Amino acid sequence: MEKAIFIAILAIIIFNWLLETLLSYLNLRNSRKPIPEELKDIYTAEKRSKQFQYQLTNIRFGMLVRGFSLLLSFFMICFGFSWLNNNLLSVTINPLWHTLLFFVIYMTFSQLFDLPWSAYKVFHIEEKFGFNTTTLLTFIKDNVISFLLSLILQSVVISVIVFCWQWQPDWLWLIAWAVISIIMIFLNLFYPKLIVPLFNKQTPLPDGELRDAIENFARKVDFKVENIYVMDSSKRSTKANAYFTGWGSRKRIVLYDTLIKQLSTDEIVAVLSHEIGHEKHHHTLKGLCSGLLRMLLLFVMLGIILRYDIFAVAIGCVPTFVAKFIVFMMLYEPVGMLLSIVGNIISRRHEREADAFAKANGMGKSIVSSLKKMSVNSLSNPLPHPLTVFLTYSHPTLAERIRHLQ
């Protein structure tokens, strides 16, 4: 049985690598097809050539990173996890401290592994194609803050799970799920004020033509909007975006300063009309509920695996909480992939509903032009392979969105 579990883990890792490699190949082959009629007005020969080179560069880079990650995964499964797990038992046998020590060491190692790849991506690839505006100091600061935040949040989550496992192992799936759900909701509520300021400044949108246009549209569709902020995203990249965050009185609209520079007033209002469409259809709440249900399934599966020492023994570990937790994360991947596919199908439907809301309120033409500008300015792939769209895209393709809007 141990051997079957070990082979299943290796098979999952290899399958993921093969699938990602296949999707990269299919996307590259699909990119050689003629541009759809809906996009011919924005993808000139020069722009098309630059977009293809950007995509090709990222695909090659991604394949290199995945190759090294595959080798590292094999090493950790065969030797690394068992060595770390078993040796830490000589430091402490307390399940909580043993688990936290394991994850601190593993996360630190993972961060150090990812850092050179991330730096190359930002300072070579993004720089080469004119997107990067990040300084070395900002890059280092971002990585340090992200690492510390991740360390703190994951330590809290792991501590909750270990405590529930020790206290009520049979009810771990329900108690831990409930507590972590509360933590997630809290973070969603206070993300704009607690997390975002660590990375970016958000300043209120000043009075003027743009604010008036946004407020006029909001009144037209009976949508209360007070908190409109501009974020200084241009200190990292030239790519543009906008989003809603928070709930109730804490709800706010956040505009990237790059979006304001690249789009006209009508186009910015159109982008926000799409986001208001999400709110009108309660997509944020539906997404949260869907995420909590997926997390419940995750905890049910975790509760089952934690009951049996055989899962830890399968990768050469002395049976501990963290050894079984590591195996769980690997075995959960196929389940997570299936749930992600279902989630993406629902998300694409939500995006079409939000586009329909924008069109119904007179923003169809403006949102088409804004989508075209944002896509061509960020060198987005105009021809993703249908299998990639089905498996990984949370939004319909640009051509599909334009067809629906027109």
Protein backbone atom coordinates (compact mmCIF):
# COMPACT_ATOMS: atom_id res chain seq x y z
CA MET A 1 0.00 0.00 0.00
CA GLU A 2 2.87 2.38 0.85
CA LYS A 3 4.35 1.78 -2.60
CA ALA A 4 1.01 2.50 -4.31
CA ILE A 5 0.69 5.84 -2.47
CA PHE A 6 4.29 6.76 -3.35
CA ILE A 7 3.72 5.92 -7.04
CA ALA A 8 0.45 7.91 -7.02
CA ILE A 9 2.29 10.98 -5.70
CA LEU A 10 4.98 10.74 -8.37
CA ALA A 11 2.32 10.16 -11.04
CA ILE A 12 0.46 13.32 -9.98
CA ILE A 13 3.65 15.40 -10.16
CA ILE A 14 4.56 14.03 -13.59
CA PHE A 15 1.00 14.47 -14.89
CA ASN A 16 0.95 18.13 -13.82
CA TRP A 17 4.27 18.75 -15.55
CA LEU A 18 3.12 17.00 -18.74
CA LEU A 19 -0.18 18.88 -18.77
CA GLU A 20 1.46 22.29 -18.33
CA THR A 21 4.00 21.44 -21.06
CA LEU A 22 1.22 20.30 -23.39
CA LEU A 23 -0.78 23.49 -22.82
CA SER A 24 2.30 25.61 -23.55
CA TYR A 25 2.87 23.74 -26.81
CA LEU A 26 -0.80 24.01 -27.85
CA ASN A 27 -0.88 27.75 -27.07
CA LEU A 28 2.26 28.33 -29.10
CA ARG A 29 0.92 26.37 -32.06
CA ASN A 30 -2.45 28.13 -31.85
CA SER A 31 -0.74 31.53 -31.83
CA ARG A 32 0.38 30.98 -35.43
CA LYS A 33 -3.24 31.07 -36.64
CA PRO A 34 -4.70 34.25 -38.20
CA ILE A 35 -5.97 36.90 -35.80
CA PRO A 36 -9.79 36.87 -35.32
CA GLU A 37 -11.68 39.56 -37.23
CA GLU A 38 -12.66 41.25 -33.93
CA LEU A 39 -9.00 41.98 -33.13
CA LYS A 40 -7.49 42.89 -36.49
CA ASP A 41 -7.89 46.62 -35.85
CA ILE A 42 -5.58 46.55 -32.81
CA TYR A 43 -3.03 43.83 -33.59
CA THR A 44 -0.92 45.36 -36.33
CA ALA A 45 1.90 43.26 -37.78
CA GLU A 46 4.37 44.98 -35.46
CA LYS A 47 2.22 44.49 -32.35
CA ARG A 48 1.47 40.90 -33.30
CA SER A 49 5.17 40.12 -33.72
CA LYS A 50 6.01 41.68 -30.34
CA GLN A 51 3.15 39.82 -28.62
CA PHE A 52 4.29 36.50 -30.12
CA GLN A 53 7.87 37.06 -29.00
CA TYR A 54 6.66 37.93 -25.49
CA GLN A 55 4.57 34.78 -25.37
CA LEU A 56 7.38 32.62 -26.76
CA THR A 57 9.85 34.03 -24.24
CA ASN A 58 7.49 33.34 -21.34
CA ILE A 59 6.73 29.81 -22.56
CA ARG A 60 10.42 28.93 -22.82
CA PHE A 61 11.11 30.46 -19.43
CA GLY A 62 8.14 28.65 -17.89
CA MET A 63 9.30 25.30 -19.27
CA LEU A 64 12.76 25.85 -17.80
CA VAL A 65 11.36 26.72 -14.37
CA ARG A 66 8.96 23.76 -14.43
CA GLY A 67 11.81 21.43 -15.36
CA PHE A 68 13.86 22.49 -12.35
CA SER A 69 10.75 22.37 -10.14
CA LEU A 70 10.06 18.82 -11.30
CA LEU A 71 13.57 17.69 -10.33
CA LEU A 72 13.29 19.48 -6.98
CA SER A 73 9.90 17.83 -6.31
CA PHE A 74 11.38 14.38 -7.03
CA PHE A 75 14.27 15.10 -4.66
CA MET A 76 11.98 16.31 -1.88
CA ILE A 77 9.60 13.34 -2.23
CA CYS A 78 12.39 10.77 -2.31
CA PHE A 79 14.75 12.29 0.26
CA GLY A 80 14.08 15.85 1.42
CA PHE A 81 10.78 15.61 3.28
CA SER A 82 11.75 12.45 5.18
CA TRP A 83 15.16 13.86 6.13
CA LEU A 84 13.68 17.14 7.41
CA ASN A 85 10.72 15.51 9.17
CA ASN A 86 12.76 12.82 10.91
CA ASN A 87 15.63 15.07 11.97
CA LEU A 88 13.34 17.73 13.43
CA LEU A 89 12.00 15.09 15.82
CA SER A 90 15.35 15.32 17.60
CA VAL A 91 14.63 19.03 18.16
CA THR A 92 11.01 18.69 19.36
CA ILE A 93 8.30 16.03 19.41
CA ASN A 94 5.56 18.56 20.12
CA PRO A 95 3.28 18.33 17.03
CA LEU A 96 2.72 22.09 16.83
CA TRP A 97 6.35 23.18 17.15
CA HIS A 98 7.54 20.33 14.95
CA THR A 99 5.06 21.35 12.22
CA LEU A 100 5.84 25.07 12.46
CA LEU A 101 9.60 24.45 12.32
CA PHE A 102 9.14 22.21 9.30
CA PHE A 103 7.12 24.82 7.41
CA VAL A 104 9.42 27.73 8.31
CA ILE A 105 12.41 25.83 6.95
CA TYR A 106 10.55 24.57 3.87
CA MET A 107 9.02 27.96 3.05
CA THR A 108 12.40 29.67 3.43
CA PHE A 109 13.98 27.14 1.10
CA SER A 110 11.14 27.55 -1.43
CA GLN A 111 11.49 31.34 -1.33
CA LEU A 112 15.22 31.12 -1.99
CA PHE A 113 14.56 28.73 -4.89
CA ASP A 114 11.94 31.04 -6.43
CA LEU A 115 13.83 34.31 -5.96
CA PRO A 116 16.31 34.05 -8.88
CA TRP A 117 13.54 32.99 -11.27
CA SER A 118 11.34 35.86 -10.13
CA ALA A 119 14.19 38.36 -10.49
CA TYR A 120 14.95 37.14 -14.02
CA LYS A 121 11.27 37.39 -14.96
CA VAL A 122 10.99 40.97 -13.68
CA PHE A 123 14.37 42.45 -14.59
CA HIS A 124 14.98 40.65 -17.87
CA ILE A 125 11.74 39.51 -19.52
CA GLU A 126 9.40 42.28 -18.30
CA GLU A 127 12.18 44.84 -18.74
CA LYS A 128 12.91 43.68 -22.29
CA PHE A 129 9.28 44.15 -23.36
CA GLY A 130 8.84 47.52 -21.66
CA PHE A 131 6.65 46.51 -18.72
CA ASN A 132 8.97 46.67 -15.72
CA THR A 133 9.22 49.85 -13.65
CA THR A 134 10.31 48.09 -10.44
CA THR A 135 13.53 49.11 -8.75
CA LEU A 136 15.79 46.57 -7.07
CA LEU A 137 14.92 48.05 -3.66
CA THR A 138 11.16 47.71 -4.32
CA PHE A 139 11.65 44.15 -5.57
CA ILE A 140 13.55 43.16 -2.41
CA LYS A 141 11.05 44.92 -0.15
CA ASP A 142 8.08 43.24 -1.89
CA ASN A 143 9.62 39.79 -1.53
CA VAL A 144 10.54 40.28 2.13
CA ILE A 145 7.06 41.56 3.04
CA SER A 146 5.32 38.84 1.00
CA PHE A 147 7.44 36.16 2.64
CA LEU A 148 6.79 37.45 6.17
CA LEU A 149 3.05 37.83 5.52
CA SER A 150 2.86 34.33 4.08
CA LEU A 151 4.84 32.97 7.02
CA ILE A 152 2.54 34.63 9.57
CA LEU A 153 -0.73 33.68 7.86
CA GLN A 154 0.31 30.10 7.18
CA SER A 155 1.59 29.72 10.73
CA VAL A 156 -1.80 30.86 12.05
CA VAL A 157 -3.66 28.46 9.74
CA ILE A 158 -1.36 25.54 10.57
CA SER A 159 -1.61 26.25 14.31
CA VAL A 160 -5.42 26.21 14.10
CA ILE A 161 -5.40 22.89 12.21
CA VAL A 162 -2.90 21.23 14.57
CA PHE A 163 -4.79 22.44 17.64
CA CYS A 164 -8.11 21.13 16.27
CA TRP A 165 -6.48 17.83 15.34
CA GLN A 166 -5.14 17.38 18.88
CA TRP A 167 -8.37 18.53 20.52
CA GLN A 168 -11.07 16.88 18.38
CA PRO A 169 -9.49 14.75 15.62
CA ASP A 170 -12.85 13.32 14.52
CA TRP A 171 -14.29 16.80 14.07
CA LEU A 172 -11.18 18.44 12.64
CA TRP A 173 -12.83 18.89 9.24
CA LEU A 174 -15.70 20.95 10.66
CA ILE A 175 -14.02 22.93 13.48
CA ALA A 176 -10.89 23.90 11.53
CA TRP A 177 -13.01 24.77 8.49
CA ALA A 178 -15.24 27.06 10.57
CA VAL A 179 -12.33 28.88 12.25
CA ILE A 180 -10.34 29.36 9.05
CA SER A 181 -13.48 30.50 7.22
CA ILE A 182 -13.83 33.29 9.81
CA ILE A 183 -10.18 34.24 9.29
CA MET A 184 -10.71 34.35 5.51
CA ILE A 185 -13.79 36.56 5.82
CA PHE A 186 -11.91 38.90 8.18
CA LEU A 187 -9.02 39.19 5.72
CA ASN A 188 -11.44 39.93 2.87
CA LEU A 189 -13.04 42.69 4.89
CA PHE A 190 -9.84 44.36 6.02
CA TYR A 191 -7.52 43.53 3.09
CA PRO A 192 -7.62 47.09 1.67
CA LYS A 193 -6.56 48.68 4.97
CA LEU A 194 -4.25 46.02 6.39
CA ILE A 195 -2.47 44.38 3.46
CA VAL A 196 -2.53 46.70 0.44
CA PRO A 197 -0.79 49.65 2.23
CA LEU A 198 2.22 47.40 2.84
CA PHE A 199 2.83 47.40 -0.91
CA ASN A 200 1.06 50.38 -2.46
CA LYS A 201 -0.30 53.81 -1.69
CA GLN A 202 -4.02 54.32 -2.22
CA THR A 203 -5.11 57.93 -2.51
CA PRO A 204 -8.71 59.15 -2.95
CA LEU A 205 -9.57 60.01 -6.55
CA PRO A 206 -9.66 63.81 -6.69
CA ASP A 207 -12.70 65.77 -7.80
CA GLY A 208 -12.91 66.27 -11.53
CA GLU A 209 -14.24 64.86 -14.79
CA LEU A 210 -13.41 61.20 -14.02
CA ARG A 211 -14.88 61.17 -10.52
CA ASP A 212 -18.01 62.95 -11.73
CA ALA A 213 -18.44 60.45 -14.56
CA ILE A 214 -18.06 57.48 -12.20
CA GLU A 215 -20.49 58.91 -9.66
CA ASN A 216 -23.04 59.81 -12.37
CA PHE A 217 -22.98 56.26 -13.74
CA ALA A 218 -23.26 54.80 -10.23
CA ARG A 219 -26.34 56.94 -9.56
CA LYS A 220 -27.81 55.89 -12.90
CA VAL A 221 -27.63 52.19 -11.98
CA ASP A 222 -28.55 52.78 -8.32
CA PHE A 223 -25.18 51.71 -6.97
CA LYS A 224 -23.79 53.42 -3.90
CA VAL A 225 -20.16 54.34 -4.34
CA GLU A 226 -18.15 56.58 -2.03
CA ASN A 227 -14.65 55.16 -1.73
CA ILE A 228 -12.79 55.59 -5.04
CA TYR A 229 -9.02 55.23 -4.79
CA VAL A 230 -6.05 55.44 -7.14
CA MET A 231 -3.21 52.99 -6.56
CA ASP A 232 0.38 53.73 -7.54
CA SER A 233 0.85 50.52 -9.56
CA SER A 234 3.13 52.32 -12.03
CA LYS A 235 6.04 51.92 -9.61
CA ARG A 236 6.11 48.22 -10.53
CA SER A 237 4.62 47.79 -14.00
CA THR A 238 3.00 49.58 -16.91
CA LYS A 239 0.15 47.04 -17.03
CA ALA A 240 -3.29 48.41 -16.13
CA ASN A 241 -6.23 47.16 -14.09
CA ALA A 242 -9.05 48.10 -11.71
CA TYR A 243 -10.98 46.18 -9.09
CA PHE A 244 -13.56 46.27 -6.32
CA THR A 245 -12.61 45.12 -2.85
CA GLY A 246 -14.30 44.81 0.54
CA TRP A 247 -17.97 44.51 1.45
CA GLY A 248 -20.67 46.85 2.70
CA SER A 249 -19.35 50.12 4.09
CA ARG A 250 -15.78 48.89 3.50
CA LYS A 251 -16.34 48.48 -0.23
CA ARG A 252 -14.02 50.50 -2.41
CA ILE A 253 -13.12 50.95 -6.06
CA VAL A 254 -9.39 50.82 -6.78
CA LEU A 255 -8.04 52.21 -10.07
CA TYR A 256 -4.46 51.59 -11.14
CA ASP A 257 -2.81 54.88 -12.04
CA THR A 258 -1.67 53.16 -15.25
CA LEU A 259 -5.33 52.58 -16.17
CA ILE A 260 -6.06 56.30 -15.85
CA LYS A 261 -3.10 57.08 -18.13
CA GLN A 262 -4.04 54.53 -20.82
CA LEU A 263 -7.83 54.82 -21.07
CA SER A 264 -10.28 57.62 -21.72
CA THR A 265 -12.86 58.66 -19.12
CA ASP A 266 -15.66 56.74 -20.88
CA GLU A 267 -13.47 53.62 -21.09
CA ILE A 268 -12.61 53.76 -17.38
CA VAL A 269 -16.31 54.12 -16.50
CA ALA A 270 -17.00 51.15 -18.77
CA VAL A 271 -14.43 49.02 -16.91
CA LEU A 272 -16.08 49.97 -13.63
CA SER A 273 -19.55 49.27 -15.04
CA HIS A 274 -18.37 45.69 -15.57
CA GLU A 275 -17.20 45.54 -11.93
CA ILE A 276 -20.51 47.01 -10.76
CA GLY A 277 -22.20 44.26 -12.81
CA HIS A 278 -20.37 41.71 -10.66
CA GLU A 279 -21.69 43.41 -7.53
CA LYS A 280 -25.24 43.65 -8.89
CA HIS A 281 -25.22 39.91 -9.61
CA HIS A 282 -23.67 39.16 -6.18
CA HIS A 283 -20.74 37.37 -7.81
CA THR A 284 -18.38 38.27 -4.95
CA LEU A 285 -20.65 36.64 -2.38
CA LYS A 286 -21.22 33.62 -4.63
CA GLY A 287 -17.47 33.28 -5.13
CA LEU A 288 -16.86 33.39 -1.40
CA CYS A 289 -19.49 30.72 -0.72
CA SER A 290 -18.07 28.55 -3.49
CA GLY A 291 -14.57 28.94 -2.04
CA LEU A 292 -15.75 27.99 1.44
CA LEU A 293 -17.46 24.85 0.09
CA ARG A 294 -14.29 23.85 -1.75
CA MET A 295 -12.32 24.40 1.44
CA LEU A 296 -14.77 22.18 3.36
CA LEU A 297 -14.05 19.34 0.94
CA LEU A 298 -10.34 19.96 1.45
CA PHE A 299 -10.71 19.57 5.23
CA VAL A 300 -12.83 16.42 4.88
CA MET A 301 -10.06 14.84 2.81
CA LEU A 302 -7.39 16.08 5.25
CA GLY A 303 -9.28 14.58 8.19
CA ILE A 304 -9.32 11.18 6.47
CA ILE A 305 -5.59 11.19 5.62
CA LEU A 306 -4.56 12.27 9.13
CA ARG A 307 -6.10 9.11 10.56
CA TYR A 308 -3.64 6.78 8.82
CA ASP A 309 0.12 6.59 9.41
CA ILE A 310 0.60 4.77 6.11
CA PHE A 311 0.52 8.07 4.22
CA ALA A 312 3.59 9.34 6.10
CA VAL A 313 5.40 6.00 5.82
CA ALA A 314 4.86 6.07 2.04
CA ILE A 315 7.42 8.90 1.67
CA GLY A 316 9.83 7.47 4.24
CA CYS A 317 8.73 9.64 7.15
CA VAL A 318 8.21 8.82 10.79
CA PRO A 319 4.42 9.32 11.16
CA THR A 320 3.87 12.94 12.21
CA PHE A 321 1.18 15.50 11.53
CA VAL A 322 3.31 17.43 9.05
CA ALA A 323 4.37 14.32 7.09
CA LYS A 324 0.75 13.32 6.55
CA PHE A 325 -0.15 16.95 5.78
CA ILE A 326 2.49 17.09 3.02
CA VAL A 327 1.15 13.88 1.45
CA PHE A 328 -2.38 15.28 1.68
CA MET A 329 -1.39 18.43 -0.25
CA MET A 330 0.04 16.30 -3.05
CA LEU A 331 -2.88 13.89 -3.25
CA TYR A 332 -5.35 16.77 -3.16
CA GLU A 333 -3.97 18.30 -6.37
CA PRO A 334 -6.16 16.29 -8.83
CA VAL A 335 -9.23 17.08 -6.72
CA GLY A 336 -8.23 20.74 -6.60
CA MET A 337 -7.75 20.77 -10.37
CA LEU A 338 -11.25 19.40 -10.98
CA LEU A 339 -12.76 21.92 -8.58
CA SER A 340 -10.76 24.69 -10.27
CA ILE A 341 -12.13 23.71 -13.68
CA VAL A 342 -15.70 23.89 -12.34
CA GLY A 343 -14.88 27.21 -10.65
CA ASN A 344 -13.48 28.62 -13.92
CA ILE A 345 -16.60 27.59 -15.84
CA ILE A 346 -18.74 29.46 -13.30
CA SER A 347 -16.35 32.43 -13.32
CA ARG A 348 -16.50 32.75 -17.12
CA ARG A 349 -20.29 32.78 -16.91
CA HIS A 350 -20.09 35.53 -14.29
CA GLU A 351 -17.80 37.57 -16.55
CA ARG A 352 -20.31 37.31 -19.40
CA GLU A 353 -23.09 38.44 -17.03
CA ALA A 354 -21.03 41.44 -15.91
CA ASP A 355 -20.28 42.35 -19.55
CA ALA A 356 -24.01 42.06 -20.33
CA PHE A 357 -24.77 44.46 -17.47
CA ALA A 358 -22.29 47.00 -18.85
CA LYS A 359 -23.78 46.68 -22.34
CA ALA A 360 -27.35 47.00 -21.05
CA ASN A 361 -26.38 50.29 -19.44
CA GLY A 362 -24.93 51.85 -22.56
CA MET A 363 -21.28 50.90 -22.06
CA GLY A 364 -20.94 48.20 -24.72
CA LYS A 365 -18.87 50.22 -27.19
CA SER A 366 -16.63 51.74 -24.52
CA ILE A 367 -15.91 48.44 -22.78
CA VAL A 368 -14.92 46.85 -26.11
CA SER A 369 -12.42 49.63 -26.77
CA SER A 370 -11.09 49.44 -23.19
CA LEU A 371 -10.64 45.65 -23.42
CA LYS A 372 -8.79 46.02 -26.70
CA LYS A 373 -6.45 48.68 -25.33
CA MET A 374 -5.65 46.78 -22.11
CA SER A 375 -5.07 43.57 -24.02
CA VAL A 376 -2.74 44.98 -26.64
CA ASN A 377 -0.88 47.16 -24.10
CA SER A 378 -0.15 44.10 -21.91
CA LEU A 379 0.63 41.88 -24.96
CA SER A 380 -2.01 39.36 -23.87
CA ASN A 381 -2.37 36.20 -25.91
CA PRO A 382 -5.26 36.81 -28.39
CA LEU A 383 -5.39 33.15 -29.44
CA PRO A 384 -5.19 30.83 -26.42
CA HIS A 385 -5.89 27.19 -27.24
CA PRO A 386 -9.46 26.10 -26.34
CA LEU A 387 -8.13 23.43 -23.95
CA THR A 388 -6.14 26.09 -22.05
CA VAL A 389 -9.26 28.26 -21.84
CA PHE A 390 -11.36 25.36 -20.57
CA LEU A 391 -8.84 24.25 -17.93
CA THR A 392 -7.34 27.50 -16.67
CA TYR A 393 -9.15 30.66 -17.84
CA SER A 394 -11.36 32.47 -15.34
CA HIS A 395 -12.40 34.93 -18.11
CA PRO A 396 -13.68 34.29 -21.64
CA THR A 397 -11.16 35.09 -24.36
CA LEU A 398 -10.97 38.66 -25.63
CA ALA A 399 -12.48 37.72 -29.01
CA GLU A 400 -15.38 35.91 -27.32
CA ARG A 401 -16.10 38.86 -25.02
CA ILE A 402 -16.11 41.26 -27.95
CA ARG A 403 -18.47 39.04 -29.95
CA HIS A 404 -20.93 38.96 -27.03
CA LEU A 405 -20.68 42.70 -26.47
CA GLN A 406 -21.19 43.52 -30.13
